[in-house]
Amino acid sequence: MTIMKSAIIETGGKQYRVSPNQSISIEKLPQNKAGDTVVFDKVLLLDDGKELKIGTPYVEGAEVKAVILQEGR
């Protein structure tokens, strides 16, 4: 397992740059609620500080895990 410094993920037809412990707002994820862990497997770019991996279109085997903090409108 590689710990990343930053990544670019794709969800809901949009791309987001994410880093550890960062909060972002994204489109609603069906059948998920606050407290659920979500795995994003559409990773376009992965930077661990030593190596930059760019997907074609996605980085093979890469995933980003996140916890839903709250639901909004």
PDB file of N, CA and C in Angstrom:
ATOM      1  N   MET A   1       0.841  -1.185   0.000  1.00  0.00           N
ATOM      2  CA  MET A   1       0.000   0.000   0.000  1.00  0.00           C
ATOM      3  C   MET A   1       0.879   1.239   0.000  1.00  0.00           C
ATOM      4  N   THR A   2       0.572   2.158  -0.905  1.00  0.00           N
ATOM      5  CA  THR A   2       1.292   3.419  -1.004  1.00  0.00           C
ATOM      6  C   THR A   2       0.464   4.518  -0.368  1.00  0.00           C
ATOM      7  N   ILE A   3       1.092   5.305   0.484  1.00  0.00           N
ATOM      8  CA  ILE A   3       0.415   6.461   1.069  1.00  0.00           C
ATOM      9  C   ILE A   3       0.633   7.634   0.129  1.00  0.00           C
ATOM     10  N   MET A   4      -0.432   8.241  -0.302  1.00  0.00           N
ATOM     11  CA  MET A   4      -0.323   9.305  -1.276  1.00  0.00           C
ATOM     12  C   MET A   4      -0.257  10.678  -0.633  1.00  0.00           C
ATOM     13  N   LYS A   5       0.383  11.597  -1.349  1.00  0.00           N
ATOM     14  CA  LYS A   5       0.388  12.999  -0.958  1.00  0.00           C
ATOM     15  C   LYS A   5      -0.789  13.711  -1.593  1.00  0.00           C
ATOM     16  N   SER A   6      -1.098  13.323  -2.837  1.00  0.00           N
ATOM     17  CA  SER A   6      -2.264  13.863  -3.513  1.00  0.00           C
ATOM     18  C   SER A   6      -2.674  12.925  -4.643  1.00  0.00           C
ATOM     19  N   ALA A   7      -3.908  13.073  -5.066  1.00  0.00           N
ATOM     20  CA  ALA A   7      -4.440  12.262  -6.156  1.00  0.00           C
ATOM     21  C   ALA A   7      -5.519  13.073  -6.854  1.00  0.00           C
ATOM     22  N   ILE A   8      -5.819  12.660  -8.065  1.00  0.00           N
ATOM     23  CA  ILE A   8      -6.959  13.208  -8.781  1.00  0.00           C
ATOM     24  C   ILE A   8      -7.902  12.044  -9.031  1.00  0.00           C
ATOM     25  N   ILE A   9      -9.139  12.189  -8.528  1.00  0.00           N
ATOM     26  CA  ILE A   9     -10.143  11.144  -8.686  1.00  0.00           C
ATOM     27  C   ILE A   9     -11.273  11.656  -9.570  1.00  0.00           C
ATOM     28  N   GLU A  10     -12.030  10.722 -10.112  1.00  0.00           N
ATOM     29  CA  GLU A  10     -13.195  11.067 -10.920  1.00  0.00           C
ATOM     30  C   GLU A  10     -14.422  10.455 -10.268  1.00  0.00           C
ATOM     31  N   THR A  11     -15.436  11.275 -10.057  1.00  0.00           N
ATOM     32  CA  THR A  11     -16.712  10.804  -9.526  1.00  0.00           C
ATOM     33  C   THR A  11     -17.804  11.768  -9.976  1.00  0.00           C
ATOM     34  N   GLY A  12     -18.948  11.242 -10.316  1.00  0.00           N
ATOM     35  CA  GLY A  12     -20.068  12.077 -10.743  1.00  0.00           C
ATOM     36  C   GLY A  12     -19.771  12.883 -11.991  1.00  0.00           C
ATOM     37  N   GLY A  13     -18.880  12.395 -12.853  1.00  0.00           N
ATOM     38  CA  GLY A  13     -18.536  13.105 -14.076  1.00  0.00           C
ATOM     39  C   GLY A  13     -17.602  14.283 -13.871  1.00  0.00           C
ATOM     40  N   LYS A  14     -17.085  14.442 -12.656  1.00  0.00           N
ATOM     41  CA  LYS A  14     -16.171  15.548 -12.343  1.00  0.00           C
ATOM     42  C   LYS A  14     -14.871  14.998 -11.796  1.00  0.00           C
ATOM     43  N   GLN A  15     -13.831  15.829 -11.835  1.00  0.00           N
ATOM     44  CA  GLN A  15     -12.530  15.446 -11.305  1.00  0.00           C
ATOM     45  C   GLN A  15     -12.224  16.294 -10.072  1.00  0.00           C
ATOM     46  N   TYR A  16     -11.600  15.663  -9.069  1.00  0.00           N
ATOM     47  CA  TYR A  16     -11.276  16.344  -7.819  1.00  0.00           C
ATOM     48  C   TYR A  16      -9.840  16.028  -7.428  1.00  0.00           C
ATOM     49  N   ARG A  17      -9.096  17.055  -7.040  1.00  0.00           N
ATOM     50  CA  ARG A  17      -7.763  16.835  -6.480  1.00  0.00           C
ATOM     51  C   ARG A  17      -7.950  16.657  -4.977  1.00  0.00           C
ATOM     52  N   VAL A  18      -7.432  15.551  -4.447  1.00  0.00           N
ATOM     53  CA  VAL A  18      -7.617  15.241  -3.031  1.00  0.00           C
ATOM     54  C   VAL A  18      -6.278  14.954  -2.369  1.00  0.00           C
ATOM     55  N   SER A  19      -6.216  15.226  -1.078  1.00  0.00           N
ATOM     56  CA  SER A  19      -5.045  14.962  -0.253  1.00  0.00           C
ATOM     57  C   SER A  19      -5.518  14.341   1.050  1.00  0.00           C
ATOM     58  N   PRO A  20      -4.622  13.660   1.783  1.00  0.00           N
ATOM     59  CA  PRO A  20      -5.029  13.082   3.070  1.00  0.00           C
ATOM     60  C   PRO A  20      -5.609  14.136   4.014  1.00  0.00           C
ATOM     61  N   ASN A  21      -6.643  13.772   4.728  1.00  0.00           N
ATOM     62  CA  ASN A  21      -7.312  14.615   5.730  1.00  0.00           C
ATOM     63  C   ASN A  21      -7.977  15.855   5.151  1.00  0.00           C
ATOM     64  N   GLN A  22      -8.242  15.866   3.863  1.00  0.00           N
ATOM     65  CA  GLN A  22      -8.903  16.987   3.212  1.00  0.00           C
ATOM     66  C   GLN A  22     -10.401  16.719   3.144  1.00  0.00           C
ATOM     67  N   SER A  23     -11.206  17.760   3.292  1.00  0.00           N
ATOM     68  CA  SER A  23     -12.656  17.660   3.124  1.00  0.00           C
ATOM     69  C   SER A  23     -13.034  18.297   1.800  1.00  0.00           C
ATOM     70  N   ILE A  24     -13.879  17.614   1.035  1.00  0.00           N
ATOM     71  CA  ILE A  24     -14.383  18.154  -0.224  1.00  0.00           C
ATOM     72  C   ILE A  24     -15.874  17.916  -0.300  1.00  0.00           C
ATOM     73  N   SER A  25     -16.546  18.687  -1.145  1.00  0.00           N
ATOM     74  CA  SER A  25     -17.971  18.478  -1.417  1.00  0.00           C
ATOM     75  C   SER A  25     -18.091  17.876  -2.802  1.00  0.00           C
ATOM     76  N   ILE A  26     -18.831  16.777  -2.897  1.00  0.00           N
ATOM     77  CA  ILE A  26     -19.044  16.105  -4.179  1.00  0.00           C
ATOM     78  C   ILE A  26     -20.521  15.836  -4.361  1.00  0.00           C
ATOM     79  N   GLU A  27     -20.877  15.368  -5.562  1.00  0.00           N
ATOM     80  CA  GLU A  27     -22.257  14.985  -5.843  1.00  0.00           C
ATOM     81  C   GLU A  27     -22.680  13.868  -4.898  1.00  0.00           C
ATOM     82  N   LYS A  28     -23.971  13.797  -4.624  1.00  0.00           N
ATOM     83  CA  LYS A  28     -24.495  12.763  -3.730  1.00  0.00           C
ATOM     84  C   LYS A  28     -24.175  11.375  -4.254  1.00  0.00           C
ATOM     85  N   LEU A  29     -23.755  10.517  -3.365  1.00  0.00           N
ATOM     86  CA  LEU A  29     -23.470   9.128  -3.696  1.00  0.00           C
ATOM     87  C   LEU A  29     -24.662   8.281  -3.275  1.00  0.00           C
ATOM     88  N   PRO A  30     -25.288   7.603  -4.233  1.00  0.00           N
ATOM     89  CA  PRO A  30     -26.487   6.823  -3.889  1.00  0.00           C
ATOM     90  C   PRO A  30     -26.190   5.719  -2.883  1.00  0.00           C
ATOM     91  N   GLN A  31     -27.122   5.504  -1.998  1.00  0.00           N
ATOM     92  CA  GLN A  31     -27.076   4.435  -0.992  1.00  0.00           C
ATOM     93  C   GLN A  31     -25.920   4.565  -0.008  1.00  0.00           C
ATOM     94  N   ASN A  32     -25.415   5.788   0.193  1.00  0.00           N
ATOM     95  CA  ASN A  32     -24.402   6.024   1.211  1.00  0.00           C
ATOM     96  C   ASN A  32     -24.909   7.120   2.131  1.00  0.00           C
ATOM     97  N   LYS A  33     -24.502   7.031   3.411  1.00  0.00           N
ATOM     98  CA  LYS A  33     -24.922   8.045   4.382  1.00  0.00           C
ATOM     99  C   LYS A  33     -23.727   8.452   5.233  1.00  0.00           C
ATOM    100  N   ALA A  34     -23.894   9.468   6.048  1.00  0.00           N
ATOM    101  CA  ALA A  34     -22.817   9.966   6.900  1.00  0.00           C
ATOM    102  C   ALA A  34     -22.232   8.829   7.734  1.00  0.00           C
ATOM    103  N   GLY A  35     -20.911   8.758   7.767  1.00  0.00           N
ATOM    104  CA  GLY A  35     -20.214   7.723   8.514  1.00  0.00           C
ATOM    105  C   GLY A  35     -19.759   6.545   7.659  1.00  0.00           C
ATOM    106  N   ASP A  36     -20.332   6.408   6.462  1.00  0.00           N
ATOM    107  CA  ASP A  36     -19.944   5.318   5.561  1.00  0.00           C
ATOM    108  C   ASP A  36     -18.564   5.584   4.955  1.00  0.00           C
ATOM    109  N   THR A  37     -17.823   4.518   4.712  1.00  0.00           N
ATOM    110  CA  THR A  37     -16.556   4.610   3.999  1.00  0.00           C
ATOM    111  C   THR A  37     -16.820   4.313   2.527  1.00  0.00           C
ATOM    112  N   VAL A  38     -16.254   5.148   1.663  1.00  0.00           N
ATOM    113  CA  VAL A  38     -16.435   5.024   0.226  1.00  0.00           C
ATOM    114  C   VAL A  38     -15.071   4.803  -0.411  1.00  0.00           C
ATOM    115  N   VAL A  39     -15.010   3.940  -1.418  1.00  0.00           N
ATOM    116  CA  VAL A  39     -13.769   3.693  -2.144  1.00  0.00           C
ATOM    117  C   VAL A  39     -13.934   4.224  -3.567  1.00  0.00           C
ATOM    118  N   PHE A  40     -13.047   5.140  -3.950  1.00  0.00           N
ATOM    119  CA  PHE A  40     -13.026   5.672  -5.308  1.00  0.00           C
ATOM    120  C   PHE A  40     -11.923   4.945  -6.068  1.00  0.00           C
ATOM    121  N   ASP A  41     -12.312   4.225  -7.119  1.00  0.00           N
ATOM    122  CA  ASP A  41     -11.317   3.461  -7.879  1.00  0.00           C
ATOM    123  C   ASP A  41     -10.989   4.100  -9.222  1.00  0.00           C
ATOM    124  N   LYS A  42     -11.631   5.206  -9.537  1.00  0.00           N
ATOM    125  CA  LYS A  42     -11.313   5.941 -10.762  1.00  0.00           C
ATOM    126  C   LYS A  42     -10.277   7.016 -10.410  1.00  0.00           C
ATOM    127  N   VAL A  43      -9.034   6.577 -10.274  1.00  0.00           N
ATOM    128  CA  VAL A  43      -7.923   7.460  -9.905  1.00  0.00           C
ATOM    129  C   VAL A  43      -7.169   7.806 -11.183  1.00  0.00           C
ATOM    130  N   LEU A  44      -7.139   9.094 -11.524  1.00  0.00           N
ATOM    131  CA  LEU A  44      -6.498   9.554 -12.749  1.00  0.00           C
ATOM    132  C   LEU A  44      -5.013   9.825 -12.549  1.00  0.00           C
ATOM    133  N   LEU A  45      -4.636  10.259 -11.363  1.00  0.00           N
ATOM    134  CA  LEU A  45      -3.252  10.607 -11.051  1.00  0.00           C
ATOM    135  C   LEU A  45      -2.989  10.297  -9.594  1.00  0.00           C
ATOM    136  N   LEU A  46      -1.786   9.819  -9.296  1.00  0.00           N
ATOM    137  CA  LEU A  46      -1.406   9.473  -7.932  1.00  0.00           C
ATOM    138  C   LEU A  46       0.011   9.969  -7.692  1.00  0.00           C
ATOM    139  N   ASP A  47       0.201  10.766  -6.642  1.00  0.00           N
ATOM    140  CA  ASP A  47       1.510  11.308  -6.299  1.00  0.00           C
ATOM    141  C   ASP A  47       1.824  10.921  -4.864  1.00  0.00           C
ATOM    142  N   ASP A  48       2.891  10.114  -4.671  1.00  0.00           N
ATOM    143  CA  ASP A  48       3.280   9.709  -3.317  1.00  0.00           C
ATOM    144  C   ASP A  48       4.478  10.504  -2.809  1.00  0.00           C
ATOM    145  N   GLY A  49       4.877  11.548  -3.540  1.00  0.00           N
ATOM    146  CA  GLY A  49       6.007  12.372  -3.133  1.00  0.00           C
ATOM    147  C   GLY A  49       7.321  11.934  -3.755  1.00  0.00           C
ATOM    148  N   LYS A  50       7.379  10.700  -4.213  1.00  0.00           N
ATOM    149  CA  LYS A  50       8.583  10.170  -4.848  1.00  0.00           C
ATOM    150  C   LYS A  50       8.325   9.849  -6.312  1.00  0.00           C
ATOM    151  N   GLU A  51       7.108   9.383  -6.583  1.00  0.00           N
ATOM    152  CA  GLU A  51       6.763   8.956  -7.931  1.00  0.00           C
ATOM    153  C   GLU A  51       5.385   9.491  -8.305  1.00  0.00           C
ATOM    154  N   LEU A  52       5.272   9.954  -9.531  1.00  0.00           N
ATOM    155  CA  LEU A  52       4.008  10.437 -10.067  1.00  0.00           C
ATOM    156  C   LEU A  52       3.480   9.393 -11.039  1.00  0.00           C
ATOM    157  N   LYS A  53       2.282   8.889 -10.788  1.00  0.00           N
ATOM    158  CA  LYS A  53       1.673   7.895 -11.674  1.00  0.00           C
ATOM    159  C   LYS A  53       0.483   8.536 -12.363  1.00  0.00           C
ATOM    160  N   ILE A  54       0.475   8.459 -13.682  1.00  0.00           N
ATOM    161  CA  ILE A  54      -0.602   9.015 -14.480  1.00  0.00           C
ATOM    162  C   ILE A  54      -1.311   7.868 -15.181  1.00  0.00           C
ATOM    163  N   GLY A  55      -2.622   7.809 -15.028  1.00  0.00           N
ATOM    164  CA  GLY A  55      -3.399   6.723 -15.597  1.00  0.00           C
ATOM    165  C   GLY A  55      -3.693   6.899 -17.072  1.00  0.00           C
ATOM    166  N   THR A  56      -4.091   5.793 -17.700  1.00  0.00           N
ATOM    167  CA  THR A  56      -4.466   5.816 -19.116  1.00  0.00           C
ATOM    168  C   THR A  56      -5.804   5.120 -19.321  1.00  0.00           C
ATOM    169  N   PRO A  57      -6.942   5.530 -18.918  1.00  0.00           N
ATOM    170  CA  PRO A  57      -7.178   6.787 -18.231  1.00  0.00           C
ATOM    171  C   PRO A  57      -7.011   6.708 -16.710  1.00  0.00           C
ATOM    172  N   TYR A  58      -7.084   5.490 -16.132  1.00  0.00           N
ATOM    173  CA  TYR A  58      -6.999   5.363 -14.676  1.00  0.00           C
ATOM    174  C   TYR A  58      -5.721   4.641 -14.268  1.00  0.00           C
ATOM    175  N   VAL A  59      -5.230   4.940 -13.060  1.00  0.00           N
ATOM    176  CA  VAL A  59      -4.055   4.262 -12.520  1.00  0.00           C
ATOM    177  C   VAL A  59      -4.488   2.864 -12.080  1.00  0.00           C
ATOM    178  N   GLU A  60      -3.890   1.844 -12.677  1.00  0.00           N
ATOM    179  CA  GLU A  60      -4.267   0.462 -12.408  1.00  0.00           C
ATOM    180  C   GLU A  60      -4.018   0.087 -10.942  1.00  0.00           C
ATOM    181  N   GLY A  61      -5.045  -0.448 -10.290  1.00  0.00           N
ATOM    182  CA  GLY A  61      -4.930  -0.917  -8.917  1.00  0.00           C
ATOM    183  C   GLY A  61      -4.991   0.176  -7.859  1.00  0.00           C
ATOM    184  N   ALA A  62      -5.093   1.425  -8.265  1.00  0.00           N
ATOM    185  CA  ALA A  62      -5.123   2.534  -7.297  1.00  0.00           C
ATOM    186  C   ALA A  62      -6.547   2.779  -6.804  1.00  0.00           C
ATOM    187  N   GLU A  63      -6.660   3.165  -5.552  1.00  0.00           N
ATOM    188  CA  GLU A  63      -7.949   3.546  -4.990  1.00  0.00           C
ATOM    189  C   GLU A  63      -7.744   4.564  -3.890  1.00  0.00           C
ATOM    190  N   VAL A  64      -8.761   5.377  -3.693  1.00  0.00           N
ATOM    191  CA  VAL A  64      -8.758   6.388  -2.634  1.00  0.00           C
ATOM    192  C   VAL A  64      -9.953   6.094  -1.739  1.00  0.00           C
ATOM    193  N   LYS A  65      -9.720   6.004  -0.438  1.00  0.00           N
ATOM    194  CA  LYS A  65     -10.792   5.743   0.516  1.00  0.00           C
ATOM    195  C   LYS A  65     -11.152   7.046   1.222  1.00  0.00           C
ATOM    196  N   ALA A  66     -12.444   7.227   1.464  1.00  0.00           N
ATOM    197  CA  ALA A  66     -12.928   8.437   2.123  1.00  0.00           C
ATOM    198  C   ALA A  66     -14.092   8.080   3.040  1.00  0.00           C
ATOM    199  N   VAL A  67     -14.349   8.943   4.007  1.00  0.00           N
ATOM    200  CA  VAL A  67     -15.482   8.790   4.914  1.00  0.00           C
ATOM    201  C   VAL A  67     -16.445   9.947   4.659  1.00  0.00           C
ATOM    202  N   ILE A  68     -17.726   9.622   4.522  1.00  0.00           N
ATOM    203  CA  ILE A  68     -18.736  10.659   4.319  1.00  0.00           C
ATOM    204  C   ILE A  68     -18.993  11.338   5.655  1.00  0.00           C
ATOM    205  N   LEU A  69     -18.729  12.634   5.702  1.00  0.00           N
ATOM    206  CA  LEU A  69     -18.896  13.388   6.942  1.00  0.00           C
ATOM    207  C   LEU A  69     -20.334  13.858   7.142  1.00  0.00           C
ATOM    208  N   GLN A  70     -20.971  14.324   6.060  1.00  0.00           N
ATOM    209  CA  GLN A  70     -22.350  14.772   6.168  1.00  0.00           C
ATOM    210  C   GLN A  70     -23.002  14.766   4.796  1.00  0.00           C
ATOM    211  N   GLU A  71     -24.315  14.770   4.808  1.00  0.00           N
ATOM    212  CA  GLU A  71     -25.090  14.847   3.583  1.00  0.00           C
ATOM    213  C   GLU A  71     -25.680  16.242   3.487  1.00  0.00           C
ATOM    214  N   GLY A  72     -25.750  16.744   2.290  1.00  0.00           N
ATOM    215  CA  GLY A  72     -26.329  18.086   2.103  1.00  0.00           C
ATOM    216  C   GLY A  72     -27.173  18.135   0.867  1.00  0.00           C
ATOM    217  N   ARG A  73     -27.681  19.296   0.594  1.00  0.00           N
ATOM    218  CA  ARG A  73     -28.497  19.507  -0.608  1.00  0.00           C
ATOM    219  C   ARG A  73     -27.696  20.234  -1.621  1.00  0.00           C
TER     220      ARG A  73
END
